[in-house]
N, C-alpha and C. Protein backbone atom coordinates (compact mmCIF):
# COMPACT_ATOMS: atom_id res chain seq x y z
N UNK A 1 28.91 14.49 13.62
CA UNK A 1 28.89 13.56 12.50
C UNK A 1 28.55 14.33 11.22
N UNK A 2 29.26 14.05 10.13
CA UNK A 2 29.06 14.76 8.87
C UNK A 2 27.86 14.21 8.12
N UNK A 3 27.33 15.04 7.19
CA UNK A 3 26.23 14.59 6.34
C UNK A 3 26.64 13.35 5.55
N UNK A 4 27.89 13.32 5.08
CA UNK A 4 28.34 12.20 4.27
C UNK A 4 28.25 10.89 5.05
N UNK A 5 28.69 10.91 6.31
CA UNK A 5 28.65 9.68 7.10
C UNK A 5 27.23 9.29 7.44
N UNK A 6 26.36 10.27 7.69
CA UNK A 6 24.95 9.96 7.97
C UNK A 6 24.30 9.35 6.75
N UNK A 7 24.58 9.91 5.58
CA UNK A 7 24.01 9.40 4.34
C UNK A 7 24.47 7.99 4.03
N UNK A 8 25.64 7.63 4.48
CA UNK A 8 26.17 6.30 4.20
C UNK A 8 25.46 5.22 5.01
N UNK A 9 24.70 5.62 6.03
CA UNK A 9 23.94 4.68 6.85
C UNK A 9 22.50 4.56 6.37
N UNK A 10 21.59 4.43 7.31
CA UNK A 10 20.17 4.28 6.98
C UNK A 10 19.63 5.56 6.37
N UNK A 11 18.96 5.45 5.23
CA UNK A 11 18.46 6.63 4.53
C UNK A 11 17.41 7.36 5.34
N UNK A 12 16.70 6.66 6.23
CA UNK A 12 15.71 7.33 7.06
C UNK A 12 16.38 8.30 8.03
N UNK A 13 17.49 7.89 8.62
CA UNK A 13 18.24 8.78 9.50
C UNK A 13 18.78 9.98 8.73
N UNK A 14 19.18 9.74 7.49
CA UNK A 14 19.67 10.83 6.65
C UNK A 14 18.57 11.83 6.35
N UNK A 15 17.36 11.33 6.07
CA UNK A 15 16.24 12.22 5.77
C UNK A 15 15.93 13.12 6.97
N UNK A 16 16.06 12.58 8.16
CA UNK A 16 15.84 13.36 9.37
C UNK A 16 16.96 14.38 9.55
N UNK A 17 18.20 13.95 9.28
CA UNK A 17 19.36 14.82 9.50
C UNK A 17 19.35 16.05 8.60
N UNK A 18 18.73 15.94 7.42
CA UNK A 18 18.71 17.07 6.50
C UNK A 18 17.70 18.15 6.89
N UNK A 19 16.81 17.85 7.80
CA UNK A 19 15.89 18.89 8.27
C UNK A 19 16.69 19.99 8.97
N UNK A 20 16.46 21.23 8.57
CA UNK A 20 17.19 22.36 9.13
C UNK A 20 18.41 22.76 8.33
N UNK A 21 18.86 21.89 7.41
CA UNK A 21 20.00 22.21 6.57
C UNK A 21 19.60 23.25 5.52
N UNK A 22 20.60 23.90 4.93
CA UNK A 22 20.36 24.95 3.95
C UNK A 22 20.68 24.49 2.54
N UNK A 23 19.76 24.72 1.62
CA UNK A 23 19.97 24.46 0.20
C UNK A 23 20.44 25.76 -0.43
N UNK A 24 21.67 25.75 -0.99
CA UNK A 24 22.31 26.97 -1.47
C UNK A 24 22.63 26.85 -2.95
N UNK A 25 22.29 27.89 -3.70
CA UNK A 25 22.64 27.95 -5.12
C UNK A 25 22.83 29.42 -5.48
N UNK A 26 24.10 29.86 -5.54
CA UNK A 26 24.36 31.27 -5.78
C UNK A 26 23.77 32.13 -4.68
N UNK A 27 22.91 33.07 -5.06
CA UNK A 27 22.28 33.96 -4.09
C UNK A 27 21.11 33.30 -3.35
N UNK A 28 20.66 32.16 -3.86
CA UNK A 28 19.48 31.51 -3.29
C UNK A 28 19.86 30.66 -2.08
N UNK A 29 19.08 30.82 -1.03
CA UNK A 29 19.29 30.02 0.18
C UNK A 29 17.94 29.74 0.83
N UNK A 30 17.73 28.48 1.23
CA UNK A 30 16.48 28.11 1.90
C UNK A 30 16.78 27.02 2.92
N UNK A 31 15.96 26.98 3.95
CA UNK A 31 16.10 26.00 5.03
C UNK A 31 15.17 24.82 4.76
N UNK A 32 15.72 23.62 4.69
CA UNK A 32 14.92 22.42 4.41
C UNK A 32 14.04 22.09 5.60
N UNK A 33 12.73 21.94 5.36
CA UNK A 33 11.78 21.69 6.45
C UNK A 33 11.00 20.38 6.28
N UNK A 34 11.15 19.74 5.12
CA UNK A 34 10.40 18.49 4.88
C UNK A 34 11.19 17.60 3.92
N UNK A 35 11.27 16.32 4.25
CA UNK A 35 11.99 15.35 3.43
C UNK A 35 11.23 14.02 3.39
N UNK A 36 11.62 13.17 2.45
CA UNK A 36 11.11 11.80 2.40
C UNK A 36 12.28 10.86 2.14
N UNK A 37 12.23 9.68 2.73
CA UNK A 37 13.27 8.67 2.52
C UNK A 37 12.79 7.62 1.53
N UNK A 38 13.68 7.24 0.61
CA UNK A 38 13.39 6.18 -0.36
C UNK A 38 14.56 5.20 -0.36
N UNK A 39 14.24 3.93 -0.07
CA UNK A 39 15.26 2.92 0.07
C UNK A 39 15.34 2.07 -1.20
N UNK A 40 15.94 0.89 -1.13
CA UNK A 40 16.22 0.10 -2.31
C UNK A 40 15.25 -1.02 -2.57
N UNK A 41 15.75 -2.24 -2.58
CA UNK A 41 14.97 -3.39 -3.02
C UNK A 41 13.81 -3.75 -2.09
N UNK A 42 13.81 -3.21 -0.86
CA UNK A 42 12.72 -3.51 0.08
C UNK A 42 11.69 -2.38 0.14
N UNK A 43 11.80 -1.41 -0.76
CA UNK A 43 10.90 -0.24 -0.76
C UNK A 43 10.22 -0.13 -2.12
N UNK A 44 8.98 -0.62 -2.25
CA UNK A 44 8.30 -0.60 -3.55
C UNK A 44 7.97 0.80 -4.04
N UNK A 45 8.08 1.80 -3.18
CA UNK A 45 7.84 3.17 -3.61
C UNK A 45 9.07 3.85 -4.17
N UNK A 46 10.20 3.15 -4.14
CA UNK A 46 11.47 3.72 -4.56
C UNK A 46 11.78 3.41 -6.02
N UNK A 47 12.45 4.34 -6.70
CA UNK A 47 12.89 4.09 -8.07
C UNK A 47 13.93 2.97 -8.12
N UNK A 48 14.57 2.69 -6.99
CA UNK A 48 15.61 1.66 -6.95
C UNK A 48 15.04 0.26 -6.77
N UNK A 49 13.73 0.15 -6.61
CA UNK A 49 13.10 -1.13 -6.25
C UNK A 49 13.38 -2.22 -7.28
N UNK A 50 13.42 -1.87 -8.56
CA UNK A 50 13.62 -2.86 -9.63
C UNK A 50 15.04 -2.86 -10.18
N UNK A 51 15.95 -2.22 -9.47
CA UNK A 51 17.34 -2.23 -9.91
C UNK A 51 17.73 -1.03 -10.75
N UNK A 52 18.94 -1.07 -11.29
CA UNK A 52 19.50 0.06 -12.03
C UNK A 52 18.88 0.19 -13.42
N UNK A 53 18.52 1.42 -13.78
CA UNK A 53 18.03 1.74 -15.13
C UNK A 53 18.76 2.99 -15.60
N UNK A 54 18.55 3.36 -16.85
CA UNK A 54 19.17 4.59 -17.36
C UNK A 54 18.64 5.81 -16.64
N UNK A 55 17.39 5.74 -16.15
CA UNK A 55 16.79 6.87 -15.47
C UNK A 55 17.34 7.04 -14.05
N UNK A 56 17.49 5.92 -13.33
CA UNK A 56 17.82 6.02 -11.90
C UNK A 56 19.28 5.76 -11.57
N UNK A 57 20.15 5.67 -12.56
CA UNK A 57 21.52 5.23 -12.31
C UNK A 57 22.25 6.12 -11.32
N UNK A 58 21.94 7.42 -11.29
CA UNK A 58 22.60 8.30 -10.33
C UNK A 58 22.20 7.98 -8.89
N UNK A 59 21.04 7.35 -8.72
CA UNK A 59 20.57 6.98 -7.38
C UNK A 59 21.48 5.92 -6.76
N UNK A 60 22.20 5.17 -7.59
CA UNK A 60 23.09 4.12 -7.12
C UNK A 60 24.54 4.60 -6.97
N UNK A 61 24.75 5.88 -7.13
CA UNK A 61 26.08 6.44 -7.03
C UNK A 61 26.50 6.69 -5.59
N UNK A 62 27.61 7.38 -5.38
CA UNK A 62 28.09 7.65 -4.02
C UNK A 62 27.14 8.56 -3.25
N UNK A 63 27.16 8.45 -1.95
CA UNK A 63 26.27 9.24 -1.09
C UNK A 63 26.58 10.73 -1.19
N UNK A 64 25.52 11.53 -1.13
CA UNK A 64 25.68 12.97 -1.11
C UNK A 64 25.59 13.67 -2.45
N UNK A 65 25.26 12.91 -3.50
CA UNK A 65 25.17 13.49 -4.83
C UNK A 65 23.71 13.71 -5.24
N UNK A 66 23.51 14.57 -6.22
CA UNK A 66 22.16 14.89 -6.69
C UNK A 66 21.61 13.78 -7.58
N UNK A 67 20.39 13.39 -7.30
CA UNK A 67 19.62 12.52 -8.20
C UNK A 67 18.38 13.31 -8.58
N UNK A 68 18.34 13.76 -9.83
CA UNK A 68 17.25 14.60 -10.33
C UNK A 68 16.49 13.84 -11.40
N UNK A 69 15.17 13.76 -11.25
CA UNK A 69 14.37 13.05 -12.25
C UNK A 69 13.14 13.88 -12.63
N UNK A 70 12.59 13.55 -13.78
CA UNK A 70 11.43 14.24 -14.35
C UNK A 70 10.19 13.41 -14.08
N UNK A 71 9.10 14.04 -13.66
CA UNK A 71 7.89 13.29 -13.33
C UNK A 71 6.65 14.00 -13.84
N UNK A 72 5.62 13.24 -14.11
CA UNK A 72 4.34 13.76 -14.60
C UNK A 72 4.50 14.57 -15.89
N UNK A 73 5.60 14.40 -16.59
CA UNK A 73 5.81 15.10 -17.84
C UNK A 73 6.02 16.59 -17.70
N UNK A 74 6.27 17.08 -16.46
CA UNK A 74 6.38 18.53 -16.29
C UNK A 74 7.26 18.97 -15.13
N UNK A 75 7.57 18.09 -14.18
CA UNK A 75 8.25 18.53 -12.96
C UNK A 75 9.58 17.81 -12.76
N UNK A 76 10.58 18.55 -12.25
CA UNK A 76 11.83 17.96 -11.81
C UNK A 76 11.76 17.75 -10.30
N UNK A 77 12.45 16.74 -9.81
CA UNK A 77 12.50 16.44 -8.39
C UNK A 77 13.96 16.30 -7.96
N UNK A 78 14.32 16.94 -6.84
CA UNK A 78 15.69 16.89 -6.33
C UNK A 78 15.80 15.92 -5.17
N UNK A 79 16.74 14.98 -5.29
CA UNK A 79 17.03 14.01 -4.24
C UNK A 79 18.52 14.03 -3.93
N UNK A 80 18.86 13.58 -2.72
CA UNK A 80 20.26 13.41 -2.32
C UNK A 80 20.51 11.92 -2.17
N UNK A 81 21.49 11.39 -2.89
CA UNK A 81 21.76 9.95 -2.83
C UNK A 81 22.26 9.55 -1.45
N UNK A 82 21.94 8.30 -1.07
CA UNK A 82 22.29 7.81 0.26
C UNK A 82 22.79 6.37 0.20
N UNK A 83 23.30 5.90 1.33
CA UNK A 83 23.83 4.56 1.52
C UNK A 83 25.07 4.34 0.65
N UNK A 84 25.57 3.12 0.62
CA UNK A 84 26.83 2.85 -0.07
C UNK A 84 26.63 2.87 -1.59
N UNK A 85 27.71 3.21 -2.30
CA UNK A 85 27.66 3.20 -3.75
C UNK A 85 27.27 1.81 -4.24
N UNK A 86 26.33 1.76 -5.18
CA UNK A 86 25.83 0.50 -5.69
C UNK A 86 24.52 0.08 -5.06
N UNK A 87 24.14 0.75 -3.96
CA UNK A 87 22.85 0.48 -3.30
C UNK A 87 21.97 1.70 -3.51
N UNK A 88 20.88 1.55 -4.22
CA UNK A 88 20.02 2.69 -4.54
C UNK A 88 19.21 3.17 -3.35
N UNK A 89 19.39 4.42 -2.97
CA UNK A 89 18.60 5.05 -1.91
C UNK A 89 18.78 6.55 -2.04
N UNK A 90 17.78 7.31 -1.61
CA UNK A 90 17.87 8.77 -1.74
C UNK A 90 16.89 9.46 -0.81
N UNK A 91 17.23 10.70 -0.49
CA UNK A 91 16.37 11.58 0.30
C UNK A 91 15.75 12.61 -0.64
N UNK A 92 14.44 12.64 -0.72
CA UNK A 92 13.74 13.65 -1.52
C UNK A 92 13.64 14.93 -0.69
N UNK A 93 14.09 16.05 -1.27
CA UNK A 93 13.93 17.36 -0.63
C UNK A 93 12.53 17.85 -0.97
N UNK A 94 11.65 17.82 0.00
CA UNK A 94 10.22 18.01 -0.28
C UNK A 94 9.73 19.44 -0.08
N UNK A 95 10.26 20.17 0.87
CA UNK A 95 9.84 21.55 1.08
C UNK A 95 10.93 22.31 1.82
N UNK A 96 10.93 23.63 1.64
CA UNK A 96 11.95 24.46 2.28
C UNK A 96 11.39 25.84 2.57
N UNK A 97 12.02 26.50 3.52
CA UNK A 97 11.66 27.87 3.92
C UNK A 97 12.65 28.83 3.29
N UNK A 98 12.21 29.74 2.42
CA UNK A 98 13.15 30.66 1.77
C UNK A 98 13.82 31.61 2.76
N UNK A 99 15.10 31.85 2.53
CA UNK A 99 15.87 32.75 3.40
C UNK A 99 16.43 33.92 2.61
N UNK A 100 17.20 33.62 1.56
CA UNK A 100 17.82 34.65 0.72
C UNK A 100 17.47 34.42 -0.74
N UNK A 101 17.48 35.52 -1.51
CA UNK A 101 17.22 35.43 -2.94
C UNK A 101 15.74 35.32 -3.27
N UNK A 102 14.89 35.86 -2.42
CA UNK A 102 13.45 35.73 -2.62
C UNK A 102 12.97 36.38 -3.91
N UNK A 103 13.57 37.49 -4.31
CA UNK A 103 13.14 38.15 -5.54
C UNK A 103 13.35 37.23 -6.74
N UNK A 104 14.48 36.53 -6.76
CA UNK A 104 14.75 35.59 -7.85
C UNK A 104 13.79 34.42 -7.79
N UNK A 105 13.53 33.91 -6.59
CA UNK A 105 12.59 32.81 -6.43
C UNK A 105 11.21 33.21 -6.93
N UNK A 106 10.79 34.44 -6.62
CA UNK A 106 9.47 34.92 -7.06
C UNK A 106 9.40 35.02 -8.58
N UNK A 107 10.48 35.46 -9.20
CA UNK A 107 10.50 35.53 -10.67
C UNK A 107 10.43 34.13 -11.28
N UNK A 108 11.13 33.18 -10.65
CA UNK A 108 11.15 31.82 -11.17
C UNK A 108 9.86 31.06 -10.87
N UNK A 109 9.11 31.54 -9.88
CA UNK A 109 7.86 30.88 -9.48
C UNK A 109 6.72 31.90 -9.51
N UNK A 110 6.38 32.45 -10.68
CA UNK A 110 5.37 33.51 -10.75
C UNK A 110 3.97 33.07 -10.30
N UNK A 111 3.72 31.76 -10.30
CA UNK A 111 2.40 31.29 -9.88
C UNK A 111 2.23 31.26 -8.36
N UNK A 112 3.32 31.42 -7.62
CA UNK A 112 3.22 31.42 -6.16
C UNK A 112 2.55 32.71 -5.70
N UNK A 113 1.42 32.58 -5.03
CA UNK A 113 0.67 33.77 -4.60
C UNK A 113 1.25 34.40 -3.34
N UNK A 114 1.98 33.61 -2.54
CA UNK A 114 2.62 34.11 -1.32
C UNK A 114 4.01 33.48 -1.21
N UNK A 115 4.85 34.05 -0.35
CA UNK A 115 6.18 33.49 -0.13
C UNK A 115 6.10 32.11 0.49
N UNK A 116 5.03 31.83 1.23
CA UNK A 116 4.88 30.50 1.83
C UNK A 116 4.72 29.42 0.76
N UNK A 117 4.28 29.80 -0.41
CA UNK A 117 4.09 28.83 -1.47
C UNK A 117 5.26 28.72 -2.43
N UNK A 118 6.33 29.47 -2.18
CA UNK A 118 7.46 29.45 -3.10
C UNK A 118 8.13 28.09 -3.18
N UNK A 119 8.32 27.45 -2.02
CA UNK A 119 9.10 26.21 -1.96
C UNK A 119 8.35 25.10 -1.24
N UNK A 120 7.03 25.17 -1.24
CA UNK A 120 6.21 24.22 -0.47
C UNK A 120 5.87 22.97 -1.27
N UNK A 121 6.88 22.37 -1.87
CA UNK A 121 6.70 21.16 -2.65
C UNK A 121 7.96 20.90 -3.45
N UNK A 122 8.26 19.64 -3.75
CA UNK A 122 9.52 19.33 -4.44
C UNK A 122 9.64 19.94 -5.83
N UNK A 123 8.55 19.99 -6.58
CA UNK A 123 8.59 20.60 -7.91
C UNK A 123 8.73 22.12 -7.82
N UNK A 124 8.22 22.71 -6.76
CA UNK A 124 8.35 24.15 -6.56
C UNK A 124 9.79 24.53 -6.25
N UNK A 125 10.47 23.68 -5.49
CA UNK A 125 11.88 23.93 -5.18
C UNK A 125 12.72 23.92 -6.46
N UNK A 126 12.53 22.91 -7.28
CA UNK A 126 13.33 22.82 -8.50
C UNK A 126 13.02 23.96 -9.46
N UNK A 127 11.78 24.40 -9.49
CA UNK A 127 11.43 25.54 -10.35
C UNK A 127 12.08 26.82 -9.83
N UNK A 128 12.01 27.05 -8.52
CA UNK A 128 12.57 28.27 -7.93
C UNK A 128 14.08 28.32 -8.08
N UNK A 129 14.72 27.16 -8.01
CA UNK A 129 16.19 27.07 -8.11
C UNK A 129 16.67 26.78 -9.54
N UNK A 130 15.73 26.58 -10.46
CA UNK A 130 16.06 26.24 -11.84
C UNK A 130 16.90 24.94 -11.90
N UNK A 131 16.49 23.96 -11.15
CA UNK A 131 17.18 22.67 -11.12
C UNK A 131 16.61 21.79 -12.23
N UNK A 132 17.51 21.19 -13.02
CA UNK A 132 17.11 20.30 -14.10
C UNK A 132 18.02 19.08 -14.13
N UNK A 133 17.90 18.29 -15.16
CA UNK A 133 18.74 17.10 -15.33
C UNK A 133 20.23 17.45 -15.34
N UNK A 134 20.56 18.69 -15.70
CA UNK A 134 21.97 19.10 -15.75
C UNK A 134 22.62 19.04 -14.37
N UNK A 135 21.81 19.05 -13.30
CA UNK A 135 22.35 18.97 -11.94
C UNK A 135 22.58 17.53 -11.49
N UNK A 136 22.13 16.57 -12.28
CA UNK A 136 22.27 15.16 -11.91
C UNK A 136 23.73 14.81 -11.65
N UNK A 137 23.98 14.15 -10.53
CA UNK A 137 25.32 13.67 -10.21
C UNK A 137 26.21 14.66 -9.50
N UNK A 138 25.78 15.92 -9.34
CA UNK A 138 26.60 16.90 -8.64
C UNK A 138 26.79 16.51 -7.18
N UNK A 139 27.96 16.80 -6.65
CA UNK A 139 28.24 16.54 -5.24
C UNK A 139 27.62 17.67 -4.42
N UNK A 140 26.52 17.39 -3.77
CA UNK A 140 25.79 18.42 -3.02
C UNK A 140 26.43 18.74 -1.68
N UNK A 141 27.45 17.99 -1.29
CA UNK A 141 28.11 18.23 -0.01
C UNK A 141 29.46 18.91 -0.18
N UNK A 142 29.76 19.35 -1.39
CA UNK A 142 30.99 20.07 -1.67
C UNK A 142 30.75 21.56 -1.47
N UNK A 143 31.28 22.16 -0.39
CA UNK A 143 31.00 23.58 -0.11
C UNK A 143 31.54 24.52 -1.18
N UNK A 144 32.46 24.04 -2.01
CA UNK A 144 33.02 24.88 -3.07
C UNK A 144 32.11 24.95 -4.29
N UNK A 145 31.14 24.06 -4.35
CA UNK A 145 30.22 24.04 -5.48
C UNK A 145 29.20 25.18 -5.34
N UNK A 146 28.81 25.82 -6.45
CA UNK A 146 27.80 26.87 -6.36
C UNK A 146 26.43 26.35 -5.95
N UNK A 147 26.21 25.04 -6.10
CA UNK A 147 24.95 24.41 -5.70
C UNK A 147 25.27 23.32 -4.70
N UNK A 148 24.88 23.53 -3.43
CA UNK A 148 25.24 22.57 -2.39
C UNK A 148 24.31 22.70 -1.19
N UNK A 149 24.49 21.80 -0.24
CA UNK A 149 23.73 21.81 1.01
C UNK A 149 24.68 22.06 2.17
N UNK A 150 24.30 22.99 3.04
CA UNK A 150 25.11 23.33 4.21
C UNK A 150 24.37 22.98 5.50
N UNK A 151 25.10 22.69 6.58
CA UNK A 151 24.44 22.48 7.88
C UNK A 151 23.72 23.75 8.31
N UNK A 152 22.63 23.58 9.06
CA UNK A 152 21.87 24.71 9.58
C UNK A 152 21.60 24.52 11.06
N UNK A 153 20.64 25.27 11.57
CA UNK A 153 20.27 25.14 12.98
C UNK A 153 19.58 23.81 13.21
N UNK A 154 19.93 23.10 14.28
CA UNK A 154 19.29 21.80 14.57
C UNK A 154 17.78 21.95 14.77
N UNK A 155 17.05 20.94 14.32
CA UNK A 155 15.60 20.91 14.49
C UNK A 155 15.27 20.37 15.88
N UNK A 156 14.38 21.03 16.59
CA UNK A 156 14.08 20.66 17.96
C UNK A 156 13.02 19.58 18.07
N UNK A 157 12.09 19.55 17.15
CA UNK A 157 11.00 18.57 17.19
C UNK A 157 10.66 18.13 15.77
N UNK A 158 10.58 16.83 15.56
CA UNK A 158 10.37 16.27 14.23
C UNK A 158 9.08 15.46 14.20
N UNK A 159 8.31 15.63 13.15
CA UNK A 159 7.10 14.86 12.93
C UNK A 159 7.33 13.90 11.77
N UNK A 160 6.66 12.76 11.79
CA UNK A 160 6.80 11.81 10.69
C UNK A 160 5.43 11.35 10.22
N UNK A 161 5.36 10.92 8.97
CA UNK A 161 4.09 10.46 8.42
C UNK A 161 4.32 9.70 7.13
N UNK A 162 3.25 9.28 6.49
CA UNK A 162 3.36 8.53 5.24
C UNK A 162 3.78 9.44 4.10
N UNK A 163 4.46 8.87 3.13
CA UNK A 163 4.92 9.62 1.98
C UNK A 163 3.76 9.98 1.06
N UNK A 164 3.98 10.95 0.20
CA UNK A 164 2.92 11.51 -0.63
C UNK A 164 3.03 11.00 -2.07
N UNK A 165 1.88 10.71 -2.69
CA UNK A 165 1.83 10.44 -4.11
C UNK A 165 2.12 9.01 -4.51
N UNK A 166 2.17 8.08 -3.55
CA UNK A 166 2.44 6.68 -3.87
C UNK A 166 1.13 5.91 -4.01
N UNK A 167 1.10 4.94 -4.92
CA UNK A 167 -0.08 4.12 -5.12
C UNK A 167 -0.25 3.14 -3.96
N UNK A 168 -1.48 2.69 -3.68
CA UNK A 168 -1.71 1.70 -2.62
C UNK A 168 -0.86 0.45 -2.86
N UNK A 169 -0.21 0.01 -1.79
CA UNK A 169 0.64 -1.17 -1.89
C UNK A 169 2.03 -0.89 -2.42
N UNK A 170 2.34 0.38 -2.69
CA UNK A 170 3.65 0.76 -3.21
C UNK A 170 4.43 1.57 -2.19
N UNK A 171 4.34 1.14 -0.92
CA UNK A 171 5.06 1.84 0.12
C UNK A 171 4.33 3.03 0.68
N UNK A 172 3.02 3.15 0.36
CA UNK A 172 2.25 4.29 0.84
C UNK A 172 1.99 4.25 2.34
N UNK A 173 2.20 3.08 2.97
CA UNK A 173 1.97 2.94 4.40
C UNK A 173 3.21 3.22 5.24
N UNK A 174 4.36 3.35 4.61
CA UNK A 174 5.61 3.57 5.35
C UNK A 174 5.69 5.02 5.81
N UNK A 175 5.97 5.22 7.09
CA UNK A 175 6.00 6.56 7.65
C UNK A 175 7.41 7.13 7.53
N UNK A 176 7.81 7.38 6.30
CA UNK A 176 9.16 7.83 6.00
C UNK A 176 9.16 9.25 5.46
N UNK A 177 8.20 10.02 5.86
CA UNK A 177 8.13 11.44 5.54
C UNK A 177 8.36 12.21 6.84
N UNK A 178 9.25 13.22 6.79
CA UNK A 178 9.65 13.91 8.01
C UNK A 178 9.54 15.42 7.82
N UNK A 179 9.17 16.11 8.91
CA UNK A 179 9.00 17.57 8.84
C UNK A 179 9.40 18.21 10.15
N UNK A 180 9.88 19.43 10.06
CA UNK A 180 10.18 20.24 11.23
C UNK A 180 8.86 20.68 11.86
N UNK A 181 8.61 20.25 13.08
CA UNK A 181 7.34 20.53 13.74
C UNK A 181 7.10 22.01 13.97
N UNK A 182 8.17 22.81 13.95
CA UNK A 182 8.03 24.24 14.20
C UNK A 182 8.10 25.07 12.92
N UNK A 183 7.95 24.40 11.78
CA UNK A 183 7.96 25.12 10.50
C UNK A 183 6.88 24.58 9.57
N UNK A 184 5.75 24.17 10.14
CA UNK A 184 4.72 23.52 9.34
C UNK A 184 4.04 24.44 8.34
N UNK A 185 4.18 25.75 8.53
CA UNK A 185 3.58 26.66 7.56
C UNK A 185 4.31 26.64 6.21
N UNK A 186 5.50 26.02 6.19
CA UNK A 186 6.30 25.99 4.97
C UNK A 186 6.26 24.64 4.26
N UNK A 187 5.59 23.65 4.84
CA UNK A 187 5.62 22.31 4.26
C UNK A 187 4.65 22.18 3.08
N UNK A 188 4.62 20.99 2.46
CA UNK A 188 3.93 20.82 1.19
C UNK A 188 2.43 20.54 1.30
N UNK A 189 1.92 20.38 2.48
CA UNK A 189 0.48 20.15 2.66
C UNK A 189 -0.08 21.14 3.67
N UNK A 190 -1.35 21.47 3.57
CA UNK A 190 -1.96 22.39 4.55
C UNK A 190 -1.81 21.87 5.97
N UNK A 191 -1.75 22.78 6.91
CA UNK A 191 -1.50 22.43 8.31
C UNK A 191 -2.49 21.41 8.83
N UNK A 192 -3.78 21.60 8.56
CA UNK A 192 -4.78 20.69 9.12
C UNK A 192 -4.63 19.28 8.56
N UNK A 193 -4.24 19.16 7.30
CA UNK A 193 -4.06 17.84 6.71
C UNK A 193 -2.78 17.20 7.20
N UNK A 194 -1.73 18.00 7.30
CA UNK A 194 -0.44 17.47 7.71
C UNK A 194 -0.48 16.92 9.13
N UNK A 195 -1.09 17.67 10.05
CA UNK A 195 -1.09 17.23 11.43
C UNK A 195 -1.93 15.97 11.62
N UNK A 196 -2.89 15.71 10.74
CA UNK A 196 -3.67 14.49 10.86
C UNK A 196 -2.89 13.27 10.34
N UNK A 197 -1.85 13.53 9.54
CA UNK A 197 -1.05 12.44 8.98
C UNK A 197 0.16 12.10 9.84
N UNK A 198 0.64 13.06 10.60
CA UNK A 198 1.92 12.91 11.25
C UNK A 198 1.80 12.65 12.75
N UNK A 199 2.84 12.05 13.30
CA UNK A 199 2.91 11.85 14.75
C UNK A 199 4.34 12.06 15.18
N UNK A 200 4.53 12.38 16.45
CA UNK A 200 5.89 12.61 16.94
C UNK A 200 6.69 11.31 16.91
N UNK A 201 7.94 11.41 16.54
CA UNK A 201 8.82 10.26 16.59
C UNK A 201 9.12 9.95 18.05
N UNK A 202 9.01 8.69 18.50
CA UNK A 202 9.27 8.37 19.90
C UNK A 202 10.67 8.78 20.30
């Protein structure tokens, strides 16, 4: 089954499917190890919860495209749009394991003290890849594009837990955060904290 068809269904399944995939931009390549799912009108933690706005309009576009937004006045966040066009949903790319182009990533992320910290958070990924609003709407599933997502090695064990950074009552209880159980050293939270939040998917 292709990423496009998975994305057209439940966004939670899409968030799981992207674990192990590769984020590619020129010489840069990294393996996605952590994602979060954000749905539409039934998900108060989602930008799509209140309908279409000038900020989130790309989230309502066709599945497989980039939805990039600015947060906290300083960070960009990369998402992959999901579900049918007109229904707002997206997968947040939360953390990745660097594979190629590490020297460039280190230059773009000078505050990272180790390679494990290069891509261990959504804002770190966008900084390392120089992703900005200019990437909004790009088809991330087009292999001919210089910036795209490719299939990778299947993930053998997946952990799930609550999403990060949401206010109480805004979907903070939904266990729609997913991580590769065998790559926890690369995720966005310390190992001891992450394992206390997550449980194996039945």
